[in-house]
N, C-alpha and C. Protein backbone atom coordinates (compact mmCIF):
# COMPACT_ATOMS: atom_id res chain seq x y z
N MET A 1 92.89 112.82 73.80
CA MET A 1 91.78 112.30 73.00
C MET A 1 90.45 112.63 73.68
N GLN A 2 89.51 113.15 72.92
CA GLN A 2 88.23 113.55 73.47
C GLN A 2 87.35 112.33 73.72
N THR A 3 86.68 112.33 74.89
CA THR A 3 85.80 111.23 75.24
C THR A 3 84.46 111.38 74.56
N ASN A 4 83.95 110.29 74.01
CA ASN A 4 82.61 110.27 73.42
C ASN A 4 81.59 110.12 74.54
N LYS A 5 80.91 111.21 74.86
CA LYS A 5 80.01 111.19 76.00
C LYS A 5 78.71 110.45 75.73
N ASN A 6 78.50 110.02 74.48
CA ASN A 6 77.35 109.18 74.17
C ASN A 6 77.71 107.69 74.23
N ASN A 7 78.99 107.41 74.48
CA ASN A 7 79.44 106.03 74.59
C ASN A 7 78.76 105.35 75.78
N PHE A 8 78.26 104.12 75.58
CA PHE A 8 77.51 103.41 76.62
C PHE A 8 78.34 103.22 77.88
N PHE A 9 79.60 102.82 77.71
CA PHE A 9 80.43 102.58 78.89
C PHE A 9 80.72 103.87 79.64
N TYR A 10 80.96 104.95 78.90
CA TYR A 10 81.23 106.24 79.55
C TYR A 10 80.04 106.65 80.42
N ARG A 11 78.83 106.44 79.90
CA ARG A 11 77.63 106.87 80.61
C ARG A 11 77.23 105.93 81.74
N ASN A 12 77.72 104.69 81.69
CA ASN A 12 77.32 103.70 82.69
C ASN A 12 78.51 102.98 83.33
N GLY A 13 79.69 103.57 83.18
CA GLY A 13 80.91 102.91 83.62
C GLY A 13 80.94 102.57 85.10
N LEU A 14 80.45 103.46 85.94
CA LEU A 14 80.52 103.23 87.38
C LEU A 14 79.72 101.99 87.77
N SER A 15 78.46 101.90 87.32
CA SER A 15 77.64 100.74 87.68
C SER A 15 78.18 99.47 87.05
N LEU A 16 78.68 99.55 85.81
CA LEU A 16 79.21 98.36 85.15
C LEU A 16 80.45 97.81 85.86
N VAL A 17 81.35 98.69 86.27
CA VAL A 17 82.56 98.25 86.96
C VAL A 17 82.23 97.69 88.33
N VAL A 18 81.35 98.38 89.05
CA VAL A 18 80.98 97.91 90.39
C VAL A 18 80.28 96.55 90.32
N LEU A 19 79.35 96.40 89.37
CA LEU A 19 78.68 95.11 89.21
C LEU A 19 79.65 94.03 88.75
N GLY A 20 80.62 94.41 87.93
CA GLY A 20 81.64 93.46 87.52
C GLY A 20 82.48 92.97 88.68
N LEU A 21 82.87 93.90 89.56
CA LEU A 21 83.64 93.52 90.75
C LEU A 21 82.80 92.67 91.69
N PHE A 22 81.51 93.01 91.81
CA PHE A 22 80.61 92.20 92.63
C PHE A 22 80.57 90.76 92.11
N THR A 23 80.42 90.59 90.80
CA THR A 23 80.34 89.27 90.20
C THR A 23 81.64 88.49 90.40
N LEU A 24 82.76 89.18 90.23
CA LEU A 24 84.07 88.55 90.41
C LEU A 24 84.24 88.03 91.83
N PHE A 25 83.95 88.89 92.81
CA PHE A 25 84.18 88.49 94.20
C PHE A 25 83.13 87.50 94.70
N LEU A 26 81.91 87.56 94.14
CA LEU A 26 80.92 86.54 94.49
C LEU A 26 81.38 85.17 93.99
N PHE A 27 81.95 85.14 92.78
CA PHE A 27 82.49 83.89 92.24
C PHE A 27 83.64 83.39 93.12
N CYS A 28 84.52 84.30 93.52
CA CYS A 28 85.63 83.91 94.39
C CYS A 28 85.12 83.36 95.72
N GLN A 29 84.08 84.00 96.27
CA GLN A 29 83.48 83.51 97.51
C GLN A 29 82.91 82.11 97.30
N LEU A 30 82.23 81.92 96.17
CA LEU A 30 81.63 80.62 95.86
C LEU A 30 82.69 79.52 95.82
N ILE A 31 83.77 79.75 95.11
CA ILE A 31 84.80 78.71 94.95
C ILE A 31 85.50 78.43 96.28
N THR A 32 85.89 79.48 96.99
CA THR A 32 86.60 79.26 98.26
C THR A 32 85.67 78.67 99.31
N GLY A 33 84.41 79.13 99.33
CA GLY A 33 83.44 78.57 100.28
C GLY A 33 83.17 77.10 100.02
N TRP A 34 83.14 76.73 98.74
CA TRP A 34 82.95 75.34 98.34
C TRP A 34 84.08 74.46 98.89
N HIS A 35 85.31 74.94 98.76
CA HIS A 35 86.45 74.18 99.29
C HIS A 35 86.41 74.10 100.82
N VAL A 36 86.05 75.20 101.45
CA VAL A 36 85.96 75.21 102.92
C VAL A 36 84.93 74.19 103.39
N LYS A 37 83.74 74.21 102.77
CA LYS A 37 82.67 73.28 103.17
C LYS A 37 83.08 71.83 102.95
N ASN A 38 83.72 71.54 101.81
CA ASN A 38 84.14 70.17 101.54
C ASN A 38 85.25 69.71 102.48
N ASN A 39 86.10 70.64 102.90
CA ASN A 39 87.11 70.30 103.91
C ASN A 39 86.46 69.93 105.23
N GLU A 40 85.41 70.68 105.58
CA GLU A 40 84.68 70.38 106.82
C GLU A 40 84.00 69.01 106.73
N LEU A 41 83.43 68.72 105.57
CA LEU A 41 82.75 67.43 105.39
C LEU A 41 83.73 66.27 105.43
N SER A 42 84.92 66.47 104.85
CA SER A 42 85.92 65.39 104.85
C SER A 42 86.41 65.08 106.26
N GLU A 43 86.41 66.09 107.13
CA GLU A 43 86.86 65.88 108.51
C GLU A 43 85.90 64.98 109.29
N VAL A 44 84.63 64.96 108.89
CA VAL A 44 83.65 64.11 109.57
C VAL A 44 83.25 62.91 108.71
N LYS A 45 84.08 62.63 107.71
CA LYS A 45 83.90 61.45 106.85
C LYS A 45 82.58 61.46 106.09
N LEU A 46 82.19 62.63 105.59
CA LEU A 46 80.98 62.76 104.79
C LEU A 46 81.36 63.07 103.35
N PRO A 47 80.50 62.69 102.38
CA PRO A 47 80.84 62.93 100.96
C PRO A 47 80.88 64.41 100.62
N SER A 48 81.75 64.75 99.67
CA SER A 48 81.88 66.14 99.23
C SER A 48 80.67 66.58 98.43
N LEU A 49 80.46 67.89 98.37
CA LEU A 49 79.39 68.47 97.58
C LEU A 49 79.92 68.85 96.19
N THR A 50 79.07 68.68 95.18
CA THR A 50 79.40 69.25 93.88
C THR A 50 79.21 70.76 93.96
N LEU A 51 79.70 71.48 92.95
CA LEU A 51 79.55 72.93 92.97
C LEU A 51 78.08 73.34 92.96
N ILE A 52 77.26 72.64 92.18
CA ILE A 52 75.83 72.95 92.14
C ILE A 52 75.18 72.69 93.49
N GLN A 53 75.54 71.58 94.13
CA GLN A 53 75.02 71.28 95.46
C GLN A 53 75.42 72.36 96.46
N TYR A 54 76.64 72.85 96.33
CA TYR A 54 77.09 73.90 97.26
C TYR A 54 76.32 75.20 97.05
N ILE A 55 76.06 75.54 95.78
CA ILE A 55 75.30 76.77 95.50
C ILE A 55 73.93 76.73 96.18
N LEU A 56 73.34 75.54 96.26
CA LEU A 56 72.02 75.37 96.86
C LEU A 56 72.08 75.08 98.36
N SER A 57 73.29 75.06 98.91
CA SER A 57 73.46 74.68 100.32
C SER A 57 73.20 75.85 101.26
N PRO A 58 72.79 75.56 102.50
CA PRO A 58 72.60 76.64 103.48
C PRO A 58 73.91 77.33 103.86
N HIS A 59 75.04 76.64 103.71
CA HIS A 59 76.33 77.26 104.02
C HIS A 59 76.57 78.47 103.12
N PHE A 60 76.35 78.30 101.82
CA PHE A 60 76.52 79.40 100.86
C PHE A 60 75.44 80.47 101.05
N MET A 61 74.22 80.03 101.29
CA MET A 61 73.11 80.97 101.49
C MET A 61 73.35 81.85 102.71
N GLN A 62 73.75 81.24 103.80
CA GLN A 62 73.99 81.99 105.03
C GLN A 62 75.12 83.01 104.86
N ALA A 63 76.24 82.56 104.27
CA ALA A 63 77.40 83.45 104.11
C ALA A 63 77.09 84.62 103.19
N THR A 64 76.33 84.36 102.12
CA THR A 64 76.03 85.41 101.14
C THR A 64 75.08 86.45 101.71
N PHE A 65 73.96 86.01 102.22
CA PHE A 65 72.94 86.96 102.69
C PHE A 65 73.32 87.62 104.00
N GLU A 66 74.19 86.99 104.77
CA GLU A 66 74.72 87.62 105.98
C GLU A 66 75.41 88.93 105.64
N ASN A 67 76.16 88.94 104.55
CA ASN A 67 76.87 90.15 104.13
C ASN A 67 75.94 91.14 103.43
N TRP A 68 75.07 90.64 102.56
CA TRP A 68 74.15 91.55 101.88
C TRP A 68 73.28 92.29 102.88
N GLU A 69 72.83 91.57 103.89
CA GLU A 69 71.98 92.15 104.93
C GLU A 69 72.64 93.39 105.56
N SER A 70 73.91 93.26 105.92
CA SER A 70 74.59 94.37 106.59
C SER A 70 74.81 95.54 105.64
N GLU A 71 75.05 95.24 104.36
CA GLU A 71 75.26 96.32 103.39
C GLU A 71 73.98 97.14 103.20
N PHE A 72 72.84 96.46 103.05
CA PHE A 72 71.59 97.18 102.84
C PHE A 72 71.16 97.92 104.10
N LEU A 73 71.45 97.36 105.28
CA LEU A 73 71.15 98.08 106.52
C LEU A 73 71.97 99.36 106.59
N GLN A 74 73.26 99.25 106.30
CA GLN A 74 74.14 100.41 106.34
C GLN A 74 73.67 101.51 105.38
N MET A 75 73.35 101.13 104.14
CA MET A 75 72.95 102.12 103.16
C MET A 75 71.61 102.76 103.51
N CYS A 76 70.66 101.94 103.98
CA CYS A 76 69.35 102.47 104.36
C CYS A 76 69.48 103.47 105.51
N MET A 77 70.22 103.09 106.53
CA MET A 77 70.39 103.97 107.69
C MET A 77 71.15 105.23 107.31
N TYR A 78 72.15 105.09 106.44
CA TYR A 78 72.94 106.26 106.04
C TYR A 78 72.08 107.26 105.27
N VAL A 79 71.25 106.75 104.36
CA VAL A 79 70.34 107.63 103.62
C VAL A 79 69.43 108.38 104.59
N LEU A 80 68.87 107.67 105.57
CA LEU A 80 67.94 108.30 106.51
C LEU A 80 68.65 109.28 107.46
N LEU A 81 69.83 108.89 107.95
CA LEU A 81 70.54 109.73 108.92
C LEU A 81 71.04 111.03 108.29
N THR A 82 71.43 110.97 107.00
CA THR A 82 71.94 112.18 106.36
C THR A 82 70.84 113.19 106.00
N VAL A 83 69.59 112.80 106.17
CA VAL A 83 68.49 113.75 105.95
C VAL A 83 68.55 114.87 106.98
N SER A 84 68.76 114.51 108.24
CA SER A 84 68.66 115.50 109.32
C SER A 84 69.95 115.73 110.10
N LEU A 85 70.90 114.79 110.06
CA LEU A 85 72.13 114.95 110.83
C LEU A 85 73.24 115.57 109.99
N ARG A 86 74.11 116.32 110.63
CA ARG A 86 75.20 117.04 109.96
C ARG A 86 76.54 116.68 110.58
N GLN A 87 77.60 116.88 109.79
CA GLN A 87 78.96 116.76 110.29
C GLN A 87 79.77 117.91 109.72
N LYS A 88 80.15 118.82 110.57
CA LYS A 88 80.90 119.99 110.12
C LYS A 88 82.18 119.57 109.40
N GLY A 89 82.34 120.08 108.16
CA GLY A 89 83.55 119.85 107.40
C GLY A 89 83.55 118.59 106.56
N SER A 90 82.54 117.74 106.68
CA SER A 90 82.53 116.47 105.95
C SER A 90 81.91 116.62 104.57
N ALA A 91 82.53 115.99 103.57
CA ALA A 91 81.98 115.98 102.22
C ALA A 91 80.69 115.18 102.15
N GLU A 92 80.44 114.34 103.15
CA GLU A 92 79.26 113.48 103.18
C GLU A 92 78.05 114.15 103.82
N SER A 93 78.23 115.36 104.33
CA SER A 93 77.16 116.03 105.05
C SER A 93 76.59 117.20 104.25
N LYS A 94 75.31 117.47 104.47
CA LYS A 94 74.72 118.68 103.91
C LYS A 94 75.27 119.90 104.66
N SER A 95 75.03 121.06 104.10
CA SER A 95 75.48 122.31 104.71
C SER A 95 74.84 122.50 106.08
N LEU A 96 75.61 123.09 106.99
CA LEU A 96 75.09 123.38 108.32
C LEU A 96 74.13 124.56 108.32
N THR A 97 74.23 125.42 107.30
CA THR A 97 73.45 126.67 107.32
C THR A 97 72.51 126.85 106.14
N GLU A 98 72.88 126.33 104.98
CA GLU A 98 72.10 126.61 103.77
C GLU A 98 71.15 125.47 103.41
N LYS A 99 70.01 125.82 102.86
CA LYS A 99 69.06 124.84 102.37
C LYS A 99 69.57 124.32 101.03
N GLU A 100 69.51 123.00 100.83
CA GLU A 100 70.05 122.40 99.61
C GLU A 100 68.93 121.92 98.70
N ASP A 101 69.32 121.63 97.45
CA ASP A 101 68.34 121.22 96.43
C ASP A 101 67.53 120.01 96.86
N VAL A 102 68.18 119.06 97.57
CA VAL A 102 67.48 117.84 97.97
C VAL A 102 66.39 118.10 99.00
N ASP A 103 66.41 119.29 99.63
CA ASP A 103 65.39 119.62 100.63
C ASP A 103 64.18 120.32 100.03
N LYS A 104 64.29 120.73 98.78
CA LYS A 104 63.19 121.48 98.16
C LYS A 104 62.04 120.55 97.80
N GLU A 105 60.83 121.11 97.84
CA GLU A 105 59.66 120.33 97.42
C GLU A 105 59.72 120.10 95.90
N PRO A 106 59.38 118.90 95.44
CA PRO A 106 59.48 118.60 94.01
C PRO A 106 58.46 119.38 93.19
N GLU A 107 58.86 119.77 92.00
CA GLU A 107 57.96 120.47 91.08
C GLU A 107 57.81 119.67 89.80
N ALA A 108 56.59 119.57 89.33
CA ALA A 108 56.33 118.84 88.08
C ALA A 108 56.80 119.66 86.88
N HIS A 109 57.63 119.05 86.04
CA HIS A 109 58.06 119.67 84.80
C HIS A 109 58.18 118.56 83.76
N LYS A 110 58.44 118.90 82.53
CA LYS A 110 58.35 117.91 81.47
C LYS A 110 59.35 116.75 81.61
N ASN A 111 60.48 116.99 82.26
CA ASN A 111 61.49 115.94 82.42
C ASN A 111 61.46 115.29 83.80
N ALA A 112 60.48 115.67 84.62
CA ALA A 112 60.39 115.11 85.96
C ALA A 112 59.96 113.64 85.90
N PRO A 113 60.37 112.80 86.87
CA PRO A 113 59.90 111.41 86.93
C PRO A 113 58.37 111.37 87.02
N TRP A 114 57.78 110.32 86.48
CA TRP A 114 56.31 110.27 86.41
C TRP A 114 55.62 110.36 87.76
N PRO A 115 56.19 109.84 88.88
CA PRO A 115 55.49 110.01 90.16
C PRO A 115 55.36 111.48 90.57
N VAL A 116 56.35 112.29 90.16
CA VAL A 116 56.27 113.72 90.48
C VAL A 116 55.13 114.36 89.70
N LYS A 117 54.97 113.97 88.45
CA LYS A 117 53.87 114.50 87.64
C LYS A 117 52.52 114.00 88.15
N LYS A 118 52.50 112.77 88.66
CA LYS A 118 51.25 112.19 89.15
C LYS A 118 50.78 112.87 90.42
N GLY A 119 51.72 113.12 91.34
CA GLY A 119 51.39 113.79 92.58
C GLY A 119 50.64 112.91 93.55
N GLY A 120 50.11 113.52 94.62
CA GLY A 120 49.29 112.81 95.60
C GLY A 120 50.05 111.75 96.36
N PHE A 121 49.36 110.63 96.62
CA PHE A 121 49.93 109.54 97.41
C PHE A 121 51.17 108.95 96.75
N ILE A 122 51.13 108.81 95.42
CA ILE A 122 52.26 108.23 94.70
C ILE A 122 53.51 109.08 94.89
N LEU A 123 53.35 110.38 94.85
CA LEU A 123 54.50 111.27 95.07
C LEU A 123 54.99 111.17 96.52
N SER A 124 54.07 111.05 97.46
CA SER A 124 54.45 110.92 98.87
C SER A 124 55.33 109.70 99.09
N VAL A 125 54.96 108.59 98.43
CA VAL A 125 55.76 107.37 98.54
C VAL A 125 57.10 107.55 97.81
N TYR A 126 57.05 108.18 96.64
CA TYR A 126 58.26 108.35 95.82
C TYR A 126 59.30 109.21 96.54
N LYS A 127 58.85 110.14 97.36
CA LYS A 127 59.78 111.00 98.11
C LYS A 127 60.70 110.18 99.01
N HIS A 128 60.25 109.01 99.42
CA HIS A 128 61.03 108.17 100.34
C HIS A 128 61.33 106.80 99.74
N SER A 129 61.25 106.71 98.41
CA SER A 129 61.38 105.41 97.75
C SER A 129 62.78 104.82 97.87
N LEU A 130 63.80 105.65 97.99
CA LEU A 130 65.16 105.12 98.11
C LEU A 130 65.34 104.38 99.43
N SER A 131 64.96 105.01 100.53
CA SER A 131 65.09 104.34 101.83
C SER A 131 64.16 103.15 101.94
N VAL A 132 62.96 103.26 101.37
CA VAL A 132 62.01 102.14 101.41
C VAL A 132 62.56 100.93 100.65
N SER A 133 63.11 101.16 99.45
CA SER A 133 63.64 100.06 98.65
C SER A 133 64.84 99.41 99.34
N LEU A 134 65.70 100.22 99.94
CA LEU A 134 66.85 99.67 100.67
C LEU A 134 66.38 98.91 101.91
N GLY A 135 65.34 99.43 102.57
CA GLY A 135 64.79 98.74 103.74
C GLY A 135 64.21 97.39 103.37
N ILE A 136 63.51 97.32 102.24
CA ILE A 136 62.95 96.05 101.78
C ILE A 136 64.06 95.07 101.45
N LEU A 137 65.11 95.53 100.77
CA LEU A 137 66.24 94.67 100.46
C LEU A 137 66.93 94.16 101.72
N PHE A 138 67.00 95.01 102.75
CA PHE A 138 67.56 94.58 104.03
C PHE A 138 66.71 93.47 104.66
N LEU A 139 65.38 93.67 104.69
CA LEU A 139 64.50 92.67 105.30
C LEU A 139 64.54 91.34 104.55
N LEU A 140 64.60 91.40 103.21
CA LEU A 140 64.70 90.17 102.43
C LEU A 140 66.02 89.45 102.71
N SER A 141 67.12 90.22 102.73
CA SER A 141 68.43 89.62 103.00
C SER A 141 68.50 89.06 104.42
N PHE A 142 67.91 89.77 105.37
CA PHE A 142 67.87 89.31 106.77
C PHE A 142 67.13 87.98 106.86
N THR A 143 66.00 87.89 106.14
CA THR A 143 65.19 86.67 106.17
C THR A 143 65.96 85.50 105.57
N PHE A 144 66.58 85.70 104.40
CA PHE A 144 67.33 84.62 103.76
C PHE A 144 68.58 84.26 104.57
N HIS A 145 69.19 85.24 105.20
CA HIS A 145 70.32 84.94 106.09
C HIS A 145 69.85 84.05 107.23
N PHE A 146 68.72 84.38 107.81
CA PHE A 146 68.20 83.59 108.93
C PHE A 146 67.90 82.16 108.50
N ILE A 147 67.24 82.00 107.35
CA ILE A 147 66.91 80.65 106.86
C ILE A 147 68.18 79.85 106.60
N GLY A 148 69.15 80.47 105.91
CA GLY A 148 70.40 79.78 105.62
C GLY A 148 71.17 79.43 106.88
N SER A 149 71.20 80.37 107.81
CA SER A 149 71.94 80.15 109.06
C SER A 149 71.30 79.04 109.89
N LEU A 150 69.96 79.05 109.98
CA LEU A 150 69.24 78.02 110.72
C LEU A 150 69.50 76.63 110.12
N ASN A 151 69.37 76.51 108.80
CA ASN A 151 69.58 75.22 108.15
C ASN A 151 71.03 74.75 108.25
N ASN A 152 71.96 75.69 108.13
CA ASN A 152 73.38 75.33 108.26
C ASN A 152 73.70 74.87 109.68
N TYR A 153 73.13 75.57 110.66
CA TYR A 153 73.32 75.19 112.07
C TYR A 153 72.79 73.79 112.33
N ASN A 154 71.58 73.52 111.80
CA ASN A 154 70.97 72.21 112.03
C ASN A 154 71.71 71.09 111.30
N GLU A 155 72.28 71.39 110.13
CA GLU A 155 73.11 70.40 109.45
C GLU A 155 74.30 70.02 110.33
N GLU A 156 74.92 71.02 110.94
CA GLU A 156 76.07 70.76 111.81
C GLU A 156 75.66 70.00 113.06
N GLN A 157 74.44 70.31 113.56
CA GLN A 157 73.94 69.60 114.72
C GLN A 157 73.74 68.11 114.41
N ILE A 158 73.20 67.83 113.23
CA ILE A 158 73.00 66.44 112.82
C ILE A 158 74.33 65.70 112.70
N GLN A 159 75.33 66.39 112.13
CA GLN A 159 76.66 65.78 111.98
C GLN A 159 77.28 65.45 113.34
N LYS A 160 76.94 66.25 114.35
CA LYS A 160 77.46 66.04 115.71
C LYS A 160 76.55 65.15 116.54
N HIS A 161 75.44 64.66 115.92
CA HIS A 161 74.45 63.82 116.61
C HIS A 161 73.81 64.56 117.78
N LEU A 162 73.51 65.83 117.53
CA LEU A 162 72.84 66.67 118.52
C LEU A 162 71.47 67.08 118.00
N ALA A 163 70.65 67.60 118.90
CA ALA A 163 69.27 67.97 118.55
C ALA A 163 69.25 69.22 117.69
N LYS A 164 68.30 69.25 116.75
CA LYS A 164 68.11 70.44 115.91
C LYS A 164 67.28 71.48 116.66
N LEU A 165 67.33 72.72 116.19
CA LEU A 165 66.51 73.80 116.75
C LEU A 165 65.47 74.21 115.73
N ASP A 166 64.28 74.60 116.21
CA ASP A 166 63.30 75.20 115.30
C ASP A 166 63.56 76.70 115.24
N TRP A 167 62.85 77.40 114.34
CA TRP A 167 63.15 78.82 114.10
C TRP A 167 62.92 79.68 115.33
N LYS A 168 61.94 79.31 116.17
CA LYS A 168 61.64 80.12 117.36
C LYS A 168 62.78 80.08 118.37
N ASP A 169 63.45 78.94 118.46
CA ASP A 169 64.61 78.84 119.36
C ASP A 169 65.84 79.48 118.74
N TYR A 170 65.97 79.34 117.42
CA TYR A 170 67.18 79.86 116.78
C TYR A 170 67.20 81.38 116.68
N ILE A 171 66.03 82.00 116.63
CA ILE A 171 65.98 83.46 116.51
C ILE A 171 66.56 84.14 117.76
N VAL A 172 66.61 83.43 118.87
CA VAL A 172 67.22 83.99 120.08
C VAL A 172 68.58 83.36 120.37
N ASN A 173 69.07 82.58 119.40
CA ASN A 173 70.37 81.93 119.57
C ASN A 173 71.50 82.92 119.31
N SER A 174 72.52 82.90 120.12
CA SER A 174 73.62 83.85 119.98
C SER A 174 74.39 83.67 118.68
N GLN A 175 74.39 82.46 118.11
CA GLN A 175 75.11 82.21 116.86
C GLN A 175 74.60 83.11 115.74
N PHE A 176 73.27 83.17 115.58
CA PHE A 176 72.69 83.98 114.51
C PHE A 176 73.00 85.45 114.70
N TRP A 177 72.84 85.94 115.91
CA TRP A 177 73.06 87.37 116.15
C TRP A 177 74.54 87.73 116.10
N PHE A 178 75.41 86.79 116.46
CA PHE A 178 76.85 87.02 116.31
C PHE A 178 77.18 87.23 114.84
N GLU A 179 76.61 86.41 113.96
CA GLU A 179 76.84 86.55 112.53
C GLU A 179 76.39 87.93 112.04
N SER A 180 75.25 88.41 112.55
CA SER A 180 74.73 89.71 112.11
C SER A 180 75.54 90.87 112.67
N PHE A 181 75.75 90.87 113.99
CA PHE A 181 76.39 92.01 114.63
C PHE A 181 77.83 92.22 114.18
N GLN A 182 78.55 91.12 113.89
CA GLN A 182 79.95 91.29 113.46
C GLN A 182 80.03 92.02 112.13
N ASN A 183 78.98 91.90 111.31
CA ASN A 183 78.93 92.62 110.04
C ASN A 183 78.35 94.02 110.19
N TRP A 184 77.34 94.16 111.01
CA TRP A 184 76.71 95.48 111.18
C TRP A 184 77.71 96.50 111.71
N GLN A 185 78.49 96.10 112.73
CA GLN A 185 79.41 97.07 113.33
C GLN A 185 80.48 97.50 112.32
N SER A 186 80.93 96.56 111.47
CA SER A 186 81.98 96.91 110.51
C SER A 186 81.46 97.88 109.45
N GLU A 187 80.18 97.74 109.08
CA GLU A 187 79.60 98.64 108.08
C GLU A 187 79.54 100.06 108.60
N PHE A 188 79.15 100.24 109.85
CA PHE A 188 79.04 101.59 110.38
C PHE A 188 80.41 102.18 110.69
N LEU A 189 81.40 101.32 110.96
CA LEU A 189 82.77 101.81 111.09
C LEU A 189 83.24 102.36 109.75
N ALA A 190 82.93 101.67 108.64
CA ALA A 190 83.33 102.13 107.31
C ALA A 190 82.67 103.46 106.98
N VAL A 191 81.38 103.61 107.30
CA VAL A 191 80.68 104.87 107.04
C VAL A 191 81.28 105.99 107.87
N ALA A 192 81.52 105.72 109.15
CA ALA A 192 82.10 106.73 110.01
C ALA A 192 83.48 107.16 109.52
N SER A 193 84.24 106.21 109.00
CA SER A 193 85.57 106.53 108.47
C SER A 193 85.47 107.49 107.28
N LEU A 194 84.51 107.23 106.38
CA LEU A 194 84.35 108.11 105.22
C LEU A 194 83.87 109.49 105.64
N VAL A 195 82.91 109.55 106.55
CA VAL A 195 82.38 110.83 107.02
C VAL A 195 83.47 111.66 107.67
N ILE A 196 84.27 111.04 108.54
CA ILE A 196 85.26 111.78 109.31
C ILE A 196 86.52 112.07 108.49
N LEU A 197 87.02 111.08 107.75
CA LEU A 197 88.25 111.28 106.99
C LEU A 197 88.09 112.31 105.88
N SER A 198 86.86 112.43 105.33
CA SER A 198 86.64 113.40 104.26
C SER A 198 86.68 114.85 104.75
N ILE A 199 86.75 115.04 106.07
CA ILE A 199 86.94 116.40 106.61
C ILE A 199 88.33 116.91 106.23
N TRP A 200 89.34 116.03 106.36
CA TRP A 200 90.74 116.46 106.18
C TRP A 200 91.40 115.95 104.90
N PHE A 201 90.96 114.81 104.41
CA PHE A 201 91.64 114.20 103.27
C PHE A 201 90.82 114.36 101.99
N ARG A 202 91.51 114.31 100.84
CA ARG A 202 90.88 114.60 99.56
C ARG A 202 91.19 113.50 98.53
N GLU A 203 90.32 113.39 97.55
CA GLU A 203 90.58 112.57 96.36
C GLU A 203 90.10 113.37 95.16
N LYS A 204 91.05 113.98 94.45
CA LYS A 204 90.70 114.85 93.33
C LYS A 204 89.84 114.10 92.31
N GLY A 205 88.71 114.70 91.96
CA GLY A 205 87.83 114.13 90.96
C GLY A 205 86.72 113.26 91.51
N SER A 206 86.76 112.93 92.79
CA SER A 206 85.72 112.07 93.36
C SER A 206 84.60 112.90 93.98
N PRO A 207 83.32 112.56 93.70
CA PRO A 207 82.21 113.29 94.33
C PRO A 207 82.09 112.98 95.82
N GLN A 208 82.83 111.99 96.30
CA GLN A 208 82.82 111.68 97.73
C GLN A 208 83.82 112.55 98.49
N SER A 209 84.55 113.40 97.77
CA SER A 209 85.55 114.26 98.39
C SER A 209 85.21 115.72 98.14
N LYS A 210 85.63 116.58 99.04
CA LYS A 210 85.55 118.02 98.80
C LYS A 210 86.64 118.42 97.81
N PRO A 211 86.53 119.59 97.18
CA PRO A 211 87.63 120.08 96.35
C PRO A 211 88.93 120.10 97.14
N VAL A 212 90.04 119.85 96.47
CA VAL A 212 91.32 119.71 97.15
C VAL A 212 91.67 120.97 97.94
N ASP A 213 91.25 122.15 97.44
CA ASP A 213 91.62 123.40 98.13
C ASP A 213 90.54 123.86 99.09
N ALA A 214 89.52 123.06 99.36
CA ALA A 214 88.44 123.47 100.26
C ALA A 214 88.94 123.48 101.70
N PRO A 215 88.52 124.47 102.50
CA PRO A 215 88.90 124.53 103.91
C PRO A 215 88.38 123.30 104.67
N TYR A 216 89.05 122.95 105.75
CA TYR A 216 88.66 121.78 106.54
C TYR A 216 87.24 121.91 107.09
N ASP A 217 86.86 123.13 107.50
CA ASP A 217 85.57 123.29 108.18
C ASP A 217 84.42 123.59 107.23
N GLU A 218 84.67 123.52 105.91
CA GLU A 218 83.64 123.81 104.93
C GLU A 218 82.93 122.53 104.51
N ASN A 219 81.59 122.54 104.49
CA ASN A 219 80.83 121.37 104.04
C ASN A 219 80.71 121.36 102.53
């Protein structure tokens, strides 16, 4: 059966499925995190949270943005690193010898994005807009992770009848950085796995893979 290439899902299927999976797993995180938090509260004889209260809690905020932060850091760094660094034989790397389309200077034409037609400073910013947008998303996620983690830490301190910390003390606290580093390292391990494994292994039909019959040392 022939595919209708004007079909909305056909043209947007990848983003729709990925966003659908994101929504599903965020919901799963919400429900399981809610139960975890209420179990913790019951252990110290404190009242349980409603689902709405949990959504607004620092426990949920910290856990959510802790992961988003590492994802945006990974993507931002990967975009920047692949500009100039190469990996022989990897489907994720540019050619070692040939200049590629992404390296060419942009030319204004009728179908070009408006910043290209505008030129000047706007074009200069647009040339790096992907890494800039990912960098901003990382900084926002990092900030919300820090706020959630600080408030969650202080809630636990109160429950233990211990002193709270202000943000200046918490920013150098090992708890916050442990939360960040355990996610950062795993993201770069995942990227390294894709870069290296795509030298030898294939997935027919995927743009993340080389053609099945491509030589190992070919980019």
